[in-house]
Amino acid sequence: MSTQKSAPKPQKKTKEMEYEEKLKLLDAELMSFYQYCKQAGFTPAEMDIICAPLVASLRKHFLKKVAKIVSSIVIVAAVLYGFLQIDVVNNHASALGRLLLIKLLPVWDWTYLFYESCLVTNPFYGDYSLTEEDCISCETLDAIDRVGGVSYEQLLDNYLSRDAPLIVVDAMDSWPVMNTDDFWFDNITQLYLQDEKLADTVPCILTTNLRPGSSDLHVVLQRIHSLKVEKWFVHWQNCDIHAVKALRKFYQRPYFLASSVSPAHFNWVLMSSDYNTKVYKKVELDSGLIMLAQLRGSTAFRLTPMNPCNSSCPMLLGDLQEGEMLVFTNFLWAFEYFPGRNLDNVAILTETVWDEASK
């Protein structure tokens, strides 16, 4: 019984055409229509009238497409914004964003932007810079005074208003942490390792010889906590509000500071163990009132006058012993330190806004 073959179907129907082929077909038809109108003697004005429905339809389709894309972007942005209002999501997003920025460092060094007060230069605003006249306050300094029982008025009149650093020897006598014999690295490491809010915190600055491979503070603290490493140092800056507040349990407002002075906006941890080095470690500080509290061990430091005062003012060297606090404003001084050579060295540094209103 013979079978009758059905007529072959067209290989490609209009619905199955690829996008490029549709464009070619449409272009060919438009060119054919244009040639026909040209041969028929239509003027450009008449051709505009004839093509007006087609142009209006294309414009309407384009506007619908743009509106659809914009609506999708707005919806996605609104959803993301809603999720970021949740603390857990916000903390994770912040940590991931900082890690991404750290990964970008080999490709793009964005760190200079971190210290800029404005991302866009304002031609009507000029940053304050030191002048030769500012150097008068430090040209006769040859040592850092060590004082006790100082009042806020004495601190302000004799030191801070003159940009003269000082060491307060009794600043921490009443702090509970100074009267605890078992305070050690574990007190700080456990704070970060066990607090849920600090689980994903990423310090803005982290410097250490332990080479964690990234700015993962938890990796460093876990290695310190394991007691399997020797001769190490680490310092980091807390700029996340949860980390700043959490670290405040280890220090208090010094007795000599007026209540009108705002709390520290950032704080640092400086820790080391048997790290014998001759290379100073630089700490990049924001401008303001700086207080370095030595909780355990000791820290050797130097304060270097900034340009142009480095040519007329001397470099100041000092040693901070357990229970002592270094106080200075860093408008004029750059701070560097030697990690303590003792087995247990822990210090906390605070950065506080300091301007005429504070005084």
Protein backbone atom coordinates (compact mmCIF):
# COMPACT_ATOMS: atom_id res chain seq x y z
CA MET A 1 0.00 0.00 0.00
CA SER A 2 1.59 3.18 -1.12
CA THR A 3 1.87 6.08 1.27
CA GLN A 4 1.17 9.51 0.04
CA LYS A 5 3.83 12.00 1.06
CA SER A 6 2.55 15.18 2.54
CA ALA A 7 3.69 18.43 1.07
CA PRO A 8 6.92 19.58 2.68
CA LYS A 9 6.44 22.30 5.22
CA PRO A 10 8.32 25.54 4.71
CA GLN A 11 11.67 25.30 6.40
CA LYS A 12 11.19 28.55 8.15
CA LYS A 13 7.97 30.33 8.91
CA THR A 14 7.76 33.92 9.99
CA LYS A 15 7.26 32.92 13.64
CA GLU A 16 10.40 30.79 13.59
CA MET A 17 12.66 33.33 11.99
CA GLU A 18 15.64 34.51 13.91
CA TYR A 19 15.67 38.07 15.12
CA GLU A 20 18.37 39.12 12.63
CA GLU A 21 16.47 37.64 9.71
CA LYS A 22 13.32 39.49 10.76
CA LEU A 23 15.26 42.73 10.79
CA LYS A 24 16.65 42.01 7.33
CA LEU A 25 13.18 41.25 6.00
CA LEU A 26 11.74 44.41 7.58
CA ASP A 27 14.63 46.47 6.23
CA ALA A 28 14.09 45.06 2.73
CA GLU A 29 10.38 45.85 2.84
CA LEU A 30 11.01 49.39 4.06
CA MET A 31 13.56 49.97 1.31
CA SER A 32 11.11 48.61 -1.26
CA PHE A 33 8.38 50.91 0.08
CA TYR A 34 10.79 53.87 0.03
CA GLN A 35 11.78 53.18 -3.59
CA TYR A 36 8.11 52.90 -4.57
CA CYS A 37 7.26 56.23 -2.92
CA LYS A 38 10.25 57.88 -4.56
CA GLN A 39 9.27 56.59 -8.01
CA ALA A 40 5.67 57.68 -7.43
CA GLY A 41 6.88 61.23 -6.89
CA PHE A 42 5.90 61.71 -3.25
CA THR A 43 7.49 64.70 -1.57
CA PRO A 44 9.31 64.33 1.79
CA ALA A 45 6.40 66.05 3.56
CA GLU A 46 3.94 63.59 2.03
CA MET A 47 6.15 60.66 2.98
CA ASP A 48 6.22 61.94 6.59
CA ILE A 49 2.43 61.93 6.63
CA ILE A 50 2.27 58.43 5.13
CA CYS A 51 4.85 57.03 7.61
CA ALA A 52 3.42 58.85 10.64
CA PRO A 53 1.38 55.82 11.90
CA LEU A 54 4.46 53.57 11.62
CA VAL A 55 6.70 56.07 13.41
CA ALA A 56 4.10 56.57 16.16
CA SER A 57 3.78 52.81 16.61
CA LEU A 58 7.57 52.35 16.86
CA ARG A 59 7.87 55.24 19.31
CA LYS A 60 5.07 53.82 21.44
CA HIS A 61 6.71 50.38 21.46
CA PHE A 62 10.06 51.92 22.42
CA LEU A 63 8.52 53.94 25.27
CA LYS A 64 6.74 50.85 26.59
CA LYS A 65 10.03 48.95 26.57
CA VAL A 66 11.84 51.75 28.40
CA ALA A 67 9.02 52.05 30.95
CA LYS A 68 9.14 48.29 31.55
CA ILE A 69 12.91 48.35 32.15
CA VAL A 70 12.69 51.38 34.47
CA SER A 71 9.81 49.80 36.42
CA SER A 72 11.80 46.58 36.85
CA ILE A 73 14.83 48.52 38.13
CA VAL A 74 12.68 50.52 40.57
CA ILE A 75 11.00 47.37 41.89
CA VAL A 76 14.34 45.58 42.36
CA ALA A 77 15.83 48.66 44.06
CA ALA A 78 12.79 48.95 46.37
CA VAL A 79 13.02 45.27 47.32
CA LEU A 80 16.77 45.56 48.00
CA TYR A 81 16.21 48.70 50.06
CA GLY A 82 13.54 46.92 52.09
CA PHE A 83 15.86 43.98 52.79
CA LEU A 84 18.70 46.33 53.80
CA GLN A 85 16.50 47.77 56.55
CA ILE A 86 16.81 44.39 58.30
CA ASP A 87 19.85 44.52 60.61
CA VAL A 88 21.10 41.03 59.77
CA VAL A 89 20.88 41.63 56.02
CA ASN A 90 22.42 45.09 56.35
CA ASN A 91 25.37 43.75 58.35
CA HIS A 92 26.01 40.96 55.84
CA ALA A 93 25.72 43.36 52.90
CA SER A 94 28.09 45.81 54.57
CA ALA A 95 30.63 43.08 55.27
CA LEU A 96 30.40 41.71 51.72
CA GLY A 97 30.73 45.21 50.30
CA ARG A 98 33.90 45.82 52.29
CA LEU A 99 35.35 42.47 51.28
CA LEU A 100 34.59 43.31 47.64
CA LEU A 101 36.37 46.63 48.00
CA ILE A 102 39.37 44.84 49.50
CA LYS A 103 39.42 42.43 46.56
CA LEU A 104 39.41 45.43 44.19
CA LEU A 105 42.57 46.90 45.72
CA PRO A 106 44.96 45.13 43.25
CA VAL A 107 42.94 46.60 40.37
CA TRP A 108 41.89 49.98 41.81
CA ASP A 109 43.42 51.66 44.86
CA TRP A 110 40.34 53.37 46.33
CA THR A 111 41.87 53.91 49.79
CA TYR A 112 42.57 57.60 49.17
CA LEU A 113 38.81 58.14 48.90
CA PHE A 114 38.34 56.80 52.44
CA TYR A 115 40.19 59.77 53.88
CA GLU A 116 38.53 62.36 51.65
CA SER A 117 35.88 64.51 53.30
CA CYS A 118 34.13 65.00 49.93
CA LEU A 119 34.08 62.78 46.84
CA VAL A 120 33.49 65.80 44.59
CA THR A 121 35.81 68.79 44.85
CA ASN A 122 34.06 71.93 46.02
CA PRO A 123 35.80 75.02 44.55
CA PHE A 124 34.40 77.18 47.38
CA TYR A 125 35.84 74.97 50.13
CA GLY A 126 39.47 74.82 51.14
CA ASP A 127 40.90 72.12 53.41
CA TYR A 128 42.81 73.46 56.38
CA SER A 129 46.52 72.88 56.06
CA LEU A 130 49.36 73.61 58.44
CA THR A 131 51.32 76.79 58.02
CA GLU A 132 54.60 78.03 59.47
CA GLU A 133 52.64 79.99 62.06
CA ASP A 134 51.12 76.76 63.42
CA CYS A 135 54.59 75.42 64.10
CA ILE A 136 55.24 78.02 66.81
CA SER A 137 53.31 75.87 69.30
CA CYS A 138 55.65 72.88 68.96
CA GLU A 139 59.09 74.34 68.19
CA THR A 140 60.12 74.45 71.87
CA LEU A 141 58.81 71.01 72.82
CA ASP A 142 61.55 68.53 73.64
CA ALA A 143 59.71 65.94 75.75
CA ILE A 144 56.26 64.68 76.64
CA ASP A 145 55.07 65.64 80.12
CA ARG A 146 53.83 62.94 82.48
CA VAL A 147 51.13 64.30 84.78
CA GLY A 148 48.57 63.06 87.28
CA GLY A 149 45.46 64.57 88.86
CA VAL A 150 45.05 66.89 85.91
CA SER A 151 41.83 68.89 85.48
CA TYR A 152 40.09 69.57 82.20
CA GLU A 153 41.03 73.25 82.37
CA GLN A 154 44.71 72.37 82.86
CA LEU A 155 44.54 69.84 80.05
CA LEU A 156 42.96 72.37 77.73
CA ASP A 157 45.04 75.42 78.59
CA ASN A 158 48.48 73.84 78.97
CA TYR A 159 48.34 71.08 76.37
CA LEU A 160 45.47 70.60 73.92
CA SER A 161 45.09 74.26 72.95
CA ARG A 162 48.85 74.32 72.32
CA ASP A 163 48.93 70.99 70.42
CA ALA A 164 51.25 69.62 73.11
CA PRO A 165 50.90 65.89 73.84
CA LEU A 166 50.96 64.53 77.38
CA ILE A 167 50.84 61.24 79.29
CA VAL A 168 48.32 60.98 82.13
CA VAL A 169 49.69 58.43 84.59
CA ASP A 170 46.51 57.94 86.65
CA ALA A 171 43.88 58.15 83.90
CA MET A 172 42.83 54.49 84.25
CA ASP A 173 43.12 53.81 87.97
CA SER A 174 39.36 53.49 88.45
CA TRP A 175 38.70 51.33 85.39
CA PRO A 176 37.46 47.82 86.30
CA VAL A 177 39.57 46.26 83.55
CA MET A 178 42.74 47.55 85.24
CA ASN A 179 41.80 45.82 88.49
CA THR A 180 41.21 42.43 86.86
CA ASP A 181 44.15 40.05 87.03
CA ASP A 182 42.87 37.64 84.39
CA PHE A 183 42.43 40.24 81.61
CA TRP A 184 44.26 38.96 78.52
CA PHE A 185 43.93 38.62 74.77
CA ASP A 186 41.06 36.18 75.30
CA ASN A 187 38.85 38.95 76.68
CA ILE A 188 39.01 40.77 73.36
CA THR A 189 39.17 37.75 71.06
CA GLN A 190 36.15 36.14 72.69
CA LEU A 191 34.24 39.41 72.42
CA TYR A 192 34.57 39.27 68.63
CA LEU A 193 34.27 35.51 68.21
CA GLN A 194 31.18 35.05 70.39
CA ASP A 195 29.14 38.21 69.80
CA GLU A 196 26.61 37.61 66.99
CA LYS A 197 26.61 41.26 65.97
CA LEU A 198 30.38 41.13 65.54
CA ALA A 199 30.40 37.83 63.66
CA ASP A 200 30.63 39.53 60.27
CA THR A 201 32.28 42.79 61.22
CA VAL A 202 35.04 43.92 58.90
CA PRO A 203 37.55 46.46 60.27
CA CYS A 204 38.22 49.48 58.11
CA ILE A 205 41.96 49.01 58.64
CA LEU A 206 43.78 45.84 59.70
CA THR A 207 47.57 45.46 59.95
CA THR A 208 49.34 42.33 61.20
CA ASN A 209 52.32 40.10 60.54
CA LEU A 210 50.11 36.98 60.66
CA ARG A 211 49.18 37.44 56.98
CA PRO A 212 45.59 36.18 56.99
CA GLY A 213 45.31 36.69 53.21
CA SER A 214 42.54 39.26 53.60
CA SER A 215 41.08 41.70 56.11
CA ASP A 216 39.36 38.82 57.90
CA LEU A 217 39.72 39.78 61.53
CA HIS A 218 38.23 36.51 62.73
CA VAL A 219 41.00 34.50 61.07
CA VAL A 220 43.59 36.56 62.93
CA LEU A 221 41.78 36.32 66.27
CA GLN A 222 41.28 32.56 65.95
CA ARG A 223 45.00 32.10 65.38
CA ILE A 224 45.78 34.24 68.42
CA HIS A 225 43.17 32.39 70.47
CA SER A 226 44.67 29.01 69.55
CA LEU A 227 48.01 29.96 71.20
CA LYS A 228 49.84 28.31 68.30
CA VAL A 229 51.59 31.45 67.07
CA GLU A 230 54.51 33.36 68.55
CA LYS A 231 55.99 36.81 68.00
CA TRP A 232 53.05 38.60 66.48
CA PHE A 233 51.34 41.98 66.40
CA VAL A 234 47.99 43.23 65.14
CA HIS A 235 46.11 46.50 65.16
CA TRP A 236 42.76 47.31 63.61
CA GLN A 237 40.24 50.13 63.45
CA ASN A 238 36.60 49.62 64.41
CA CYS A 239 34.35 51.86 62.33
CA ASP A 240 31.27 49.62 62.44
CA ILE A 241 28.96 51.05 65.11
CA HIS A 242 28.35 47.63 66.72
CA ALA A 243 32.07 46.99 67.06
CA VAL A 244 32.73 50.50 68.40
CA LYS A 245 30.05 50.11 71.08
CA ALA A 246 31.09 46.55 71.98
CA LEU A 247 34.71 47.56 72.64
CA ARG A 248 33.60 50.31 75.05
CA LYS A 249 33.13 47.69 77.76
CA PHE A 250 36.94 47.69 78.15
CA TYR A 251 37.39 51.43 78.67
CA GLN A 252 35.62 54.43 80.16
CA ARG A 253 35.58 58.19 79.76
CA PRO A 254 38.74 59.53 81.48
CA TYR A 255 38.12 61.56 84.61
CA PHE A 256 39.86 64.63 83.15
CA LEU A 257 37.60 64.88 80.09
CA ALA A 258 34.59 67.22 80.20
CA SER A 259 31.13 65.75 79.61
CA SER A 260 30.70 68.18 76.70
CA VAL A 261 33.25 66.24 74.68
CA SER A 262 31.48 63.69 72.50
CA PRO A 263 32.23 59.94 72.82
CA ALA A 264 34.79 58.35 70.52
CA HIS A 265 33.46 57.84 67.02
CA PHE A 266 36.08 55.22 66.13
CA ASN A 267 38.33 53.01 68.27
CA TRP A 268 41.35 50.82 67.67
CA VAL A 269 42.85 47.73 69.27
CA LEU A 270 46.65 47.34 69.41
CA MET A 271 47.86 43.91 70.55
CA SER A 272 51.19 42.13 70.36
CA SER A 273 53.20 39.35 71.95
CA ASP A 274 57.01 39.22 72.15
CA TYR A 275 57.30 41.14 68.87
CA ASN A 276 60.81 42.59 68.83
CA THR A 277 61.07 45.00 65.90
CA LYS A 278 62.92 48.17 64.99
CA VAL A 279 60.33 49.26 62.44
CA TYR A 280 57.64 51.66 63.58
CA LYS A 281 54.05 50.77 62.70
CA LYS A 282 52.09 53.72 61.33
CA VAL A 283 48.49 54.21 62.39
CA GLU A 284 46.35 56.24 59.97
CA LEU A 285 44.18 58.38 62.24
CA ASP A 286 41.34 60.77 61.51
CA SER A 287 41.84 64.32 62.73
CA GLY A 288 40.68 64.86 66.28
CA LEU A 289 41.44 64.09 69.91
CA ILE A 290 43.47 60.89 70.22
CA MET A 291 43.78 58.90 73.46
CA LEU A 292 45.87 55.73 73.70
CA ALA A 293 45.15 53.67 76.83
CA GLN A 294 47.69 51.00 77.78
CA LEU A 295 45.71 48.13 79.35
CA ARG A 296 48.54 45.59 79.55
CA GLY A 297 52.25 45.64 78.82
CA SER A 298 53.84 48.68 77.18
CA THR A 299 54.07 50.56 73.90
CA ALA A 300 56.95 52.63 72.57
CA PHE A 301 55.83 55.41 70.25
CA ARG A 302 56.94 58.49 68.37
CA LEU A 303 55.05 61.61 67.32
CA THR A 304 56.34 63.19 64.11
CA PRO A 305 55.48 66.79 63.18
CA MET A 306 53.70 67.08 59.86
CA ASN A 307 54.93 69.23 57.00
CA PRO A 308 55.92 72.08 57.19
CA CYS A 309 56.46 71.78 60.95
CA ASN A 310 58.84 68.85 60.55
CA SER A 311 61.61 71.31 59.72
CA SER A 312 61.22 73.41 62.90
CA CYS A 313 59.68 71.03 65.48
CA PRO A 314 61.42 68.00 66.99
CA MET A 315 60.23 64.44 66.87
CA LEU A 316 58.90 63.28 70.25
CA LEU A 317 59.61 59.79 71.57
CA GLY A 318 57.97 58.09 74.53
CA ASP A 319 57.08 54.86 76.30
CA LEU A 320 53.59 54.14 77.55
CA GLN A 321 53.43 51.82 80.54
CA GLU A 322 50.49 49.81 81.85
CA GLY A 323 47.79 52.08 83.28
CA GLU A 324 49.01 55.19 81.44
CA MET A 325 47.26 57.15 78.70
CA LEU A 326 48.77 59.20 75.87
CA VAL A 327 46.60 62.21 74.96
CA PHE A 328 47.15 64.50 71.97
CA THR A 329 45.44 66.19 69.05
CA ASN A 330 46.75 64.94 65.72
CA PHE A 331 46.27 68.08 63.65
CA LEU A 332 50.03 68.52 63.93
CA TRP A 333 51.34 65.08 64.91
CA ALA A 334 51.56 61.76 63.06
CA PHE A 335 51.51 58.71 65.35
CA GLU A 336 53.67 55.57 65.02
CA TYR A 337 54.49 52.86 67.54
CA PHE A 338 56.64 49.84 68.35
CA PRO A 339 54.56 46.81 69.41
CA GLY A 340 55.50 46.00 73.02
CA ARG A 341 58.19 43.43 73.60
CA ASN A 342 56.37 41.89 76.57
CA LEU A 343 54.36 38.70 76.22
CA ASP A 344 51.08 40.53 76.88
CA ASN A 345 50.58 43.93 75.25
CA VAL A 346 47.10 45.36 74.84
CA ALA A 347 46.17 48.99 74.16
CA ILE A 348 42.99 50.72 73.02
CA LEU A 349 43.12 53.92 71.00
CA THR A 350 40.10 56.20 70.59
CA GLU A 351 39.39 58.91 68.01
CA THR A 352 37.09 61.72 69.12
CA VAL A 353 35.78 64.72 67.22
CA TRP A 354 37.68 67.76 68.45
CA ASP A 355 36.85 71.28 67.28
CA GLU A 356 36.09 74.68 68.71
CA ALA A 357 32.69 73.46 69.91
CA SER A 358 34.40 70.75 71.97
CA LYS A 359 36.63 73.31 73.63
